[in-house]
Amino acid sequence: ERFFQPDGAIDQGTGIGLPLAKKLIELHGGRIEVESLVNTGSLFTIYVPMGKDHLPADSLIEGDVDYESIHQSPLLPESDLHSKDKT
């Protein structure tokens, strides 16, 4: 299920993180594995092949990247990242 929030969850969220990560990993020819223990937690392991030989040629973009034109900024202000008050 793409949008799943377990009952009694500590943090609220949309539940889209893991399905999105899984899709991105699979698009790169990788896989994700999970080991879970009830009332203990879960361990997620990802495997992504190195290089690009395993990818379809028509999915690759060749050429130089103009890193100066890429604007990177955090999605949340730093103060929100460490805030426990989600009201």
PDB file of N, CA and C in Angstrom:
ATOM      1  N   GLU A   1       0.837  -1.173   0.000  1.00  0.00           N
ATOM      2  CA  GLU A   1       0.000   0.000   0.000  1.00  0.00           C
ATOM      3  C   GLU A   1       0.882   1.236   0.000  1.00  0.00           C
ATOM      4  N   ARG A   2       0.579   2.175  -0.833  1.00  0.00           N
ATOM      5  CA  ARG A   2       1.428   3.348  -0.957  1.00  0.00           C
ATOM      6  C   ARG A   2       1.218   4.345   0.184  1.00  0.00           C
ATOM      7  N   PHE A   3       0.002   4.512   0.678  1.00  0.00           N
ATOM      8  CA  PHE A   3      -0.275   5.461   1.749  1.00  0.00           C
ATOM      9  C   PHE A   3      -0.781   4.702   2.961  1.00  0.00           C
ATOM     10  N   PHE A   4       0.127   4.276   3.813  1.00  0.00           N
ATOM     11  CA  PHE A   4      -0.238   3.477   4.973  1.00  0.00           C
ATOM     12  C   PHE A   4       0.306   4.143   6.223  1.00  0.00           C
ATOM     13  N   GLN A   5      -0.541   4.349   7.199  1.00  0.00           N
ATOM     14  CA  GLN A   5      -0.121   4.896   8.483  1.00  0.00           C
ATOM     15  C   GLN A   5      -0.588   3.928   9.561  1.00  0.00           C
ATOM     16  N   PRO A   6       0.338   3.210  10.203  1.00  0.00           N
ATOM     17  CA  PRO A   6      -0.086   2.248  11.215  1.00  0.00           C
ATOM     18  C   PRO A   6      -0.739   2.941  12.402  1.00  0.00           C
ATOM     19  N   ASP A   7      -1.702   2.258  13.018  1.00  0.00           N
ATOM     20  CA  ASP A   7      -2.345   2.792  14.212  1.00  0.00           C
ATOM     21  C   ASP A   7      -1.308   2.944  15.314  1.00  0.00           C
ATOM     22  N   GLY A   8      -1.378   4.039  16.034  1.00  0.00           N
ATOM     23  CA  GLY A   8      -0.462   4.268  17.137  1.00  0.00           C
ATOM     24  C   GLY A   8       0.924   4.707  16.705  1.00  0.00           C
ATOM     25  N   ALA A   9       1.078   5.163  15.477  1.00  0.00           N
ATOM     26  CA  ALA A   9       2.387   5.608  15.003  1.00  0.00           C
ATOM     27  C   ALA A   9       2.820   6.849  15.773  1.00  0.00           C
ATOM     28  N   ILE A  10       4.102   6.943  16.059  1.00  0.00           N
ATOM     29  CA  ILE A  10       4.636   8.081  16.802  1.00  0.00           C
ATOM     30  C   ILE A  10       4.635   9.333  15.941  1.00  0.00           C
ATOM     31  N   ASP A  11       5.118   9.217  14.716  1.00  0.00           N
ATOM     32  CA  ASP A  11       5.191  10.357  13.807  1.00  0.00           C
ATOM     33  C   ASP A  11       4.155  10.211  12.709  1.00  0.00           C
ATOM     34  N   GLN A  12       3.488  11.303  12.391  1.00  0.00           N
ATOM     35  CA  GLN A  12       2.527  11.304  11.296  1.00  0.00           C
ATOM     36  C   GLN A  12       3.273  11.462   9.982  1.00  0.00           C
ATOM     37  N   GLY A  13       2.730  10.930   8.919  1.00  0.00           N
ATOM     38  CA  GLY A  13       3.336  11.078   7.605  1.00  0.00           C
ATOM     39  C   GLY A  13       2.392  10.556   6.549  1.00  0.00           C
ATOM     40  N   THR A  14       2.791  10.680   5.300  1.00  0.00           N
ATOM     41  CA  THR A  14       1.940  10.197   4.216  1.00  0.00           C
ATOM     42  C   THR A  14       2.165   8.724   3.935  1.00  0.00           C
ATOM     43  N   GLY A  15       3.296   8.172   4.390  1.00  0.00           N
ATOM     44  CA  GLY A  15       3.573   6.772   4.131  1.00  0.00           C
ATOM     45  C   GLY A  15       4.092   6.514   2.730  1.00  0.00           C
ATOM     46  N   ILE A  16       4.488   7.550   2.013  1.00  0.00           N
ATOM     47  CA  ILE A  16       4.928   7.375   0.630  1.00  0.00           C
ATOM     48  C   ILE A  16       6.443   7.151   0.537  1.00  0.00           C
ATOM     49  N   GLY A  17       7.178   7.354   1.603  1.00  0.00           N
ATOM     50  CA  GLY A  17       8.637   7.282   1.574  1.00  0.00           C
ATOM     51  C   GLY A  17       9.194   5.958   1.101  1.00  0.00           C
ATOM     52  N   LEU A  18       8.771   4.859   1.702  1.00  0.00           N
ATOM     53  CA  LEU A  18       9.310   3.553   1.330  1.00  0.00           C
ATOM     54  C   LEU A  18       8.907   3.136  -0.082  1.00  0.00           C
ATOM     55  N   PRO A  19       7.644   3.279  -0.487  1.00  0.00           N
ATOM     56  CA  PRO A  19       7.310   2.940  -1.878  1.00  0.00           C
ATOM     57  C   PRO A  19       8.067   3.789  -2.895  1.00  0.00           C
ATOM     58  N   LEU A  20       8.279   5.052  -2.583  1.00  0.00           N
ATOM     59  CA  LEU A  20       9.033   5.919  -3.487  1.00  0.00           C
ATOM     60  C   LEU A  20      10.492   5.470  -3.568  1.00  0.00           C
ATOM     61  N   ALA A  21      11.093   5.174  -2.415  1.00  0.00           N
ATOM     62  CA  ALA A  21      12.473   4.687  -2.398  1.00  0.00           C
ATOM     63  C   ALA A  21      12.590   3.378  -3.165  1.00  0.00           C
ATOM     64  N   LYS A  22      11.640   2.471  -2.969  1.00  0.00           N
ATOM     65  CA  LYS A  22      11.653   1.178  -3.667  1.00  0.00           C
ATOM     66  C   LYS A  22      11.601   1.375  -5.178  1.00  0.00           C
ATOM     67  N   LYS A  23      10.741   2.259  -5.636  1.00  0.00           N
ATOM     68  CA  LYS A  23      10.610   2.516  -7.072  1.00  0.00           C
ATOM     69  C   LYS A  23      11.903   3.096  -7.646  1.00  0.00           C
ATOM     70  N   LEU A  24      12.505   4.049  -6.946  1.00  0.00           N
ATOM     71  CA  LEU A  24      13.759   4.642  -7.413  1.00  0.00           C
ATOM     72  C   LEU A  24      14.880   3.608  -7.472  1.00  0.00           C
ATOM     73  N   ILE A  25      14.956   2.767  -6.458  1.00  0.00           N
ATOM     74  CA  ILE A  25      15.977   1.715  -6.426  1.00  0.00           C
ATOM     75  C   ILE A  25      15.770   0.750  -7.583  1.00  0.00           C
ATOM     76  N   GLU A  26      14.526   0.347  -7.826  1.00  0.00           N
ATOM     77  CA  GLU A  26      14.231  -0.578  -8.926  1.00  0.00           C
ATOM     78  C   GLU A  26      14.520   0.055 -10.284  1.00  0.00           C
ATOM     79  N   LEU A  27      14.263   1.351 -10.434  1.00  0.00           N
ATOM     80  CA  LEU A  27      14.569   2.036 -11.693  1.00  0.00           C
ATOM     81  C   LEU A  27      16.067   2.027 -11.994  1.00  0.00           C
ATOM     82  N   HIS A  28      16.868   1.908 -10.964  1.00  0.00           N
ATOM     83  CA  HIS A  28      18.321   1.840 -11.126  1.00  0.00           C
ATOM     84  C   HIS A  28      18.819   0.395 -11.151  1.00  0.00           C
ATOM     85  N   GLY A  29      17.899  -0.547 -11.291  1.00  0.00           N
ATOM     86  CA  GLY A  29      18.280  -1.952 -11.396  1.00  0.00           C
ATOM     87  C   GLY A  29      18.609  -2.606 -10.071  1.00  0.00           C
ATOM     88  N   GLY A  30      18.196  -1.994  -8.978  1.00  0.00           N
ATOM     89  CA  GLY A  30      18.508  -2.521  -7.658  1.00  0.00           C
ATOM     90  C   GLY A  30      17.317  -3.195  -7.007  1.00  0.00           C
ATOM     91  N   ARG A  31      17.507  -3.506  -5.742  1.00  0.00           N
ATOM     92  CA  ARG A  31      16.432  -4.129  -4.970  1.00  0.00           C
ATOM     93  C   ARG A  31      16.553  -3.677  -3.514  1.00  0.00           C
ATOM     94  N   ILE A  32      15.468  -3.831  -2.787  1.00  0.00           N
ATOM     95  CA  ILE A  32      15.442  -3.490  -1.370  1.00  0.00           C
ATOM     96  C   ILE A  32      14.935  -4.704  -0.606  1.00  0.00           C
ATOM     97  N   GLU A  33      15.577  -4.987   0.520  1.00  0.00           N
ATOM     98  CA  GLU A  33      15.161  -6.103   1.373  1.00  0.00           C
ATOM     99  C   GLU A  33      14.861  -5.556   2.757  1.00  0.00           C
ATOM    100  N   VAL A  34      13.960  -6.226   3.454  1.00  0.00           N
ATOM    101  CA  VAL A  34      13.590  -5.789   4.799  1.00  0.00           C
ATOM    102  C   VAL A  34      13.567  -6.984   5.745  1.00  0.00           C
ATOM    103  N   GLU A  35      14.061  -6.747   6.948  1.00  0.00           N
ATOM    104  CA  GLU A  35      13.956  -7.713   8.042  1.00  0.00           C
ATOM    105  C   GLU A  35      13.277  -6.975   9.188  1.00  0.00           C
ATOM    106  N   SER A  36      12.191  -7.542   9.703  1.00  0.00           N
ATOM    107  CA  SER A  36      11.448  -6.877  10.772  1.00  0.00           C
ATOM    108  C   SER A  36      11.270  -7.794  11.964  1.00  0.00           C
ATOM    109  N   LEU A  37      11.336  -7.213  13.137  1.00  0.00           N
ATOM    110  CA  LEU A  37      11.030  -7.910  14.374  1.00  0.00           C
ATOM    111  C   LEU A  37       9.953  -7.107  15.094  1.00  0.00           C
ATOM    112  N   VAL A  38       8.872  -7.769  15.460  1.00  0.00           N
ATOM    113  CA  VAL A  38       7.760  -7.110  16.132  1.00  0.00           C
ATOM    114  C   VAL A  38       8.266  -6.444  17.412  1.00  0.00           C
ATOM    115  N   ASN A  39       7.831  -5.229  17.648  1.00  0.00           N
ATOM    116  CA  ASN A  39       8.185  -4.426  18.821  1.00  0.00           C
ATOM    117  C   ASN A  39       9.678  -4.128  18.933  1.00  0.00           C
ATOM    118  N   THR A  40      10.432  -4.346  17.857  1.00  0.00           N
ATOM    119  CA  THR A  40      11.866  -4.072  17.882  1.00  0.00           C
ATOM    120  C   THR A  40      12.245  -3.065  16.815  1.00  0.00           C
ATOM    121  N   GLY A  41      11.857  -3.337  15.577  1.00  0.00           N
ATOM    122  CA  GLY A  41      12.187  -2.429  14.486  1.00  0.00           C
ATOM    123  C   GLY A  41      12.428  -3.178  13.201  1.00  0.00           C
ATOM    124  N   SER A  42      12.855  -2.444  12.203  1.00  0.00           N
ATOM    125  CA  SER A  42      13.073  -3.008  10.873  1.00  0.00           C
ATOM    126  C   SER A  42      14.431  -2.578  10.348  1.00  0.00           C
ATOM    127  N   LEU A  43      15.040  -3.466   9.565  1.00  0.00           N
ATOM    128  CA  LEU A  43      16.307  -3.195   8.902  1.00  0.00           C
ATOM    129  C   LEU A  43      16.063  -3.254   7.408  1.00  0.00           C
ATOM    130  N   PHE A  44      16.334  -2.145   6.716  1.00  0.00           N
ATOM    131  CA  PHE A  44      16.180  -2.076   5.264  1.00  0.00           C
ATOM    132  C   PHE A  44      17.568  -2.081   4.645  1.00  0.00           C
ATOM    133  N   THR A  45      17.788  -2.979   3.697  1.00  0.00           N
ATOM    134  CA  THR A  45      19.059  -3.074   2.988  1.00  0.00           C
ATOM    135  C   THR A  45      18.790  -2.855   1.515  1.00  0.00           C
ATOM    136  N   ILE A  46      19.556  -1.956   0.903  1.00  0.00           N
ATOM    137  CA  ILE A  46      19.378  -1.708  -0.530  1.00  0.00           C
ATOM    138  C   ILE A  46      20.615  -2.169  -1.289  1.00  0.00           C
ATOM    139  N   TYR A  47      20.365  -2.677  -2.477  1.00  0.00           N
ATOM    140  CA  TYR A  47      21.418  -3.114  -3.383  1.00  0.00           C
ATOM    141  C   TYR A  47      21.201  -2.393  -4.704  1.00  0.00           C
ATOM    142  N   VAL A  48      22.215  -1.656  -5.144  1.00  0.00           N
ATOM    143  CA  VAL A  48      22.144  -0.944  -6.419  1.00  0.00           C
ATOM    144  C   VAL A  48      23.422  -1.267  -7.188  1.00  0.00           C
ATOM    145  N   PRO A  49      23.289  -1.802  -8.411  1.00  0.00           N
ATOM    146  CA  PRO A  49      24.480  -2.128  -9.198  1.00  0.00           C
ATOM    147  C   PRO A  49      25.324  -0.883  -9.475  1.00  0.00           C
ATOM    148  N   MET A  50      26.630  -1.079  -9.502  1.00  0.00           N
ATOM    149  CA  MET A  50      27.540   0.026  -9.825  1.00  0.00           C
ATOM    150  C   MET A  50      27.621   0.198 -11.335  1.00  0.00           C
ATOM    151  N   GLY A  51      27.928   1.396 -11.742  1.00  0.00           N
ATOM    152  CA  GLY A  51      28.096   1.661 -13.163  1.00  0.00           C
ATOM    153  C   GLY A  51      26.773   1.869 -13.868  1.00  0.00           C
ATOM    154  N   LYS A  52      26.819   1.785 -15.204  1.00  0.00           N
ATOM    155  CA  LYS A  52      25.605   2.016 -15.985  1.00  0.00           C
ATOM    156  C   LYS A  52      25.363   0.942 -17.030  1.00  0.00           C
ATOM    157  N   ASP A  53      26.220  -0.075 -17.080  1.00  0.00           N
ATOM    158  CA  ASP A  53      26.094  -1.110 -18.107  1.00  0.00           C
ATOM    159  C   ASP A  53      24.788  -1.898 -18.020  1.00  0.00           C
ATOM    160  N   HIS A  54      24.180  -1.959 -16.844  1.00  0.00           N
ATOM    161  CA  HIS A  54      22.941  -2.715 -16.651  1.00  0.00           C
ATOM    162  C   HIS A  54      21.693  -1.912 -17.041  1.00  0.00           C
ATOM    163  N   LEU A  55      21.854  -0.628 -17.336  1.00  0.00           N
ATOM    164  CA  LEU A  55      20.718   0.237 -17.660  1.00  0.00           C
ATOM    165  C   LEU A  55      20.488   0.303 -19.165  1.00  0.00           C
ATOM    166  N   PRO A  56      19.226   0.423 -19.594  1.00  0.00           N
ATOM    167  CA  PRO A  56      18.940   0.573 -21.023  1.00  0.00           C
ATOM    168  C   PRO A  56      19.584   1.855 -21.564  1.00  0.00           C
ATOM    169  N   ALA A  57      20.188   1.764 -22.733  1.00  0.00           N
ATOM    170  CA  ALA A  57      20.895   2.911 -23.318  1.00  0.00           C
ATOM    171  C   ALA A  57      19.982   4.119 -23.493  1.00  0.00           C
ATOM    172  N   ASP A  58      18.707   3.881 -23.819  1.00  0.00           N
ATOM    173  CA  ASP A  58      17.801   5.012 -24.048  1.00  0.00           C
ATOM    174  C   ASP A  58      17.351   5.696 -22.757  1.00  0.00           C
ATOM    175  N   SER A  59      17.743   5.152 -21.602  1.00  0.00           N
ATOM    176  CA  SER A  59      17.381   5.786 -20.340  1.00  0.00           C
ATOM    177  C   SER A  59      18.508   6.666 -19.796  1.00  0.00           C
ATOM    178  N   LEU A  60      19.652   6.671 -20.478  1.00  0.00           N
ATOM    179  CA  LEU A  60      20.805   7.431 -20.008  1.00  0.00           C
ATOM    180  C   LEU A  60      20.852   8.813 -20.647  1.00  0.00           C
ATOM    181  N   ILE A  61      21.307   9.772 -19.888  1.00  0.00           N
ATOM    182  CA  ILE A  61      21.530  11.121 -20.396  1.00  0.00           C
ATOM    183  C   ILE A  61      23.034  11.352 -20.347  1.00  0.00           C
ATOM    184  N   GLU A  62      23.629  11.495 -21.482  1.00  0.00           N
ATOM    185  CA  GLU A  62      25.075  11.691 -21.572  1.00  0.00           C
ATOM    186  C   GLU A  62      25.395  13.170 -21.694  1.00  0.00           C
ATOM    187  N   GLY A  63      26.572  13.541 -21.279  1.00  0.00           N
ATOM    188  CA  GLY A  63      27.013  14.920 -21.424  1.00  0.00           C
ATOM    189  C   GLY A  63      27.417  15.521 -20.098  1.00  0.00           C
ATOM    190  N   ASP A  64      27.895  16.735 -20.171  1.00  0.00           N
ATOM    191  CA  ASP A  64      28.329  17.446 -18.980  1.00  0.00           C
ATOM    192  C   ASP A  64      27.126  18.017 -18.246  1.00  0.00           C
ATOM    193  N   VAL A  65      27.230  18.038 -16.936  1.00  0.00           N
ATOM    194  CA  VAL A  65      26.184  18.615 -16.102  1.00  0.00           C
ATOM    195  C   VAL A  65      26.649  19.994 -15.653  1.00  0.00           C
ATOM    196  N   ASP A  66      25.816  20.981 -15.839  1.00  0.00           N
ATOM    197  CA  ASP A  66      26.118  22.338 -15.395  1.00  0.00           C
ATOM    198  C   ASP A  66      25.657  22.476 -13.945  1.00  0.00           C
ATOM    199  N   TYR A  67      26.557  22.146 -13.022  1.00  0.00           N
ATOM    200  CA  TYR A  67      26.203  22.151 -11.607  1.00  0.00           C
ATOM    201  C   TYR A  67      25.880  23.551 -11.091  1.00  0.00           C
ATOM    202  N   GLU A  68      26.390  24.569 -11.743  1.00  0.00           N
ATOM    203  CA  GLU A  68      26.099  25.944 -11.338  1.00  0.00           C
ATOM    204  C   GLU A  68      24.621  26.277 -11.525  1.00  0.00           C
ATOM    205  N   SER A  69      23.970  25.634 -12.490  1.00  0.00           N
ATOM    206  CA  SER A  69      22.570  25.954 -12.766  1.00  0.00           C
ATOM    207  C   SER A  69      21.601  25.155 -11.898  1.00  0.00           C
ATOM    208  N   ILE A  70      22.131  24.210 -11.143  1.00  0.00           N
ATOM    209  CA  ILE A  70      21.274  23.401 -10.271  1.00  0.00           C
ATOM    210  C   ILE A  70      21.172  24.106  -8.926  1.00  0.00           C
ATOM    211  N   HIS A  71      19.963  24.477  -8.560  1.00  0.00           N
ATOM    212  CA  HIS A  71      19.732  25.156  -7.288  1.00  0.00           C
ATOM    213  C   HIS A  71      19.317  24.116  -6.263  1.00  0.00           C
ATOM    214  N   GLN A  72      20.089  24.006  -5.205  1.00  0.00           N
ATOM    215  CA  GLN A  72      19.756  23.048  -4.159  1.00  0.00           C
ATOM    216  C   GLN A  72      19.405  23.808  -2.895  1.00  0.00           C
ATOM    217  N   SER A  73      18.287  23.449  -2.317  1.00  0.00           N
ATOM    218  CA  SER A  73      17.895  24.044  -1.050  1.00  0.00           C
ATOM    219  C   SER A  73      17.156  22.985  -0.251  1.00  0.00           C
ATOM    220  N   PRO A  74      17.236  23.061   1.070  1.00  0.00           N
ATOM    221  CA  PRO A  74      16.538  22.067   1.886  1.00  0.00           C
ATOM    222  C   PRO A  74      15.026  22.174   1.702  1.00  0.00           C
ATOM    223  N   LEU A  75      14.358  21.037   1.811  1.00  0.00           N
ATOM    224  CA  LEU A  75      12.903  21.028   1.702  1.00  0.00           C
ATOM    225  C   LEU A  75      12.251  21.637   2.932  1.00  0.00           C
ATOM    226  N   LEU A  76      12.910  21.501   4.071  1.00  0.00           N
ATOM    227  CA  LEU A  76      12.403  22.066   5.317  1.00  0.00           C
ATOM    228  C   LEU A  76      13.479  22.951   5.926  1.00  0.00           C
ATOM    229  N   PRO A  77      13.092  24.025   6.580  1.00  0.00           N
ATOM    230  CA  PRO A  77      14.094  24.806   7.304  1.00  0.00           C
ATOM    231  C   PRO A  77      14.762  23.933   8.359  1.00  0.00           C
ATOM    232  N   GLU A  78      16.022  24.206   8.647  1.00  0.00           N
ATOM    233  CA  GLU A  78      16.786  23.405   9.620  1.00  0.00           C
ATOM    234  C   GLU A  78      16.043  23.284  10.943  1.00  0.00           C
ATOM    235  N   SER A  79      15.377  24.354  11.388  1.00  0.00           N
ATOM    236  CA  SER A  79      14.667  24.318  12.665  1.00  0.00           C
ATOM    237  C   SER A  79      13.535  23.294  12.651  1.00  0.00           C
ATOM    238  N   ASP A  80      12.893  23.074  11.496  1.00  0.00           N
ATOM    239  CA  ASP A  80      11.795  22.112  11.408  1.00  0.00           C
ATOM    240  C   ASP A  80      12.283  20.671  11.417  1.00  0.00           C
ATOM    241  N   LEU A  81      13.523  20.440  11.004  1.00  0.00           N
ATOM    242  CA  LEU A  81      14.037  19.078  10.925  1.00  0.00           C
ATOM    243  C   LEU A  81      14.182  18.439  12.293  1.00  0.00           C
ATOM    244  N   HIS A  82      14.419  19.256  13.316  1.00  0.00           N
ATOM    245  CA  HIS A  82      14.663  18.721  14.649  1.00  0.00           C
ATOM    246  C   HIS A  82      13.504  18.968  15.598  1.00  0.00           C
ATOM    247  N   SER A  83      12.424  19.500  15.096  1.00  0.00           N
ATOM    248  CA  SER A  83      11.275  19.819  15.927  1.00  0.00           C
ATOM    249  C   SER A  83      10.430  18.579  16.172  1.00  0.00           C
ATOM    250  N   LYS A  84      10.097  18.326  17.413  1.00  0.00           N
ATOM    251  CA  LYS A  84       9.216  17.204  17.757  1.00  0.00           C
ATOM    252  C   LYS A  84       7.756  17.643  17.787  1.00  0.00           C
ATOM    253  N   ASP A  85       7.517  18.944  17.869  1.00  0.00           N
ATOM    254  CA  ASP A  85       6.158  19.464  17.900  1.00  0.00           C
ATOM    255  C   ASP A  85       5.649  19.578  16.468  1.00  0.00           C
ATOM    256  N   LYS A  86       4.788  18.654  16.045  1.00  0.00           N
ATOM    257  CA  LYS A  86       4.307  18.585  14.662  1.00  0.00           C
ATOM    258  C   LYS A  86       2.920  19.201  14.510  1.00  0.00           C
ATOM    259  N   THR A  87       2.547  20.144  15.389  1.00  0.00           N
ATOM    260  CA  THR A  87       1.205  20.718  15.318  1.00  0.00           C
ATOM    261  C   THR A  87       1.092  21.770  14.264  1.00  0.00           C
TER     262      THR A  87
END
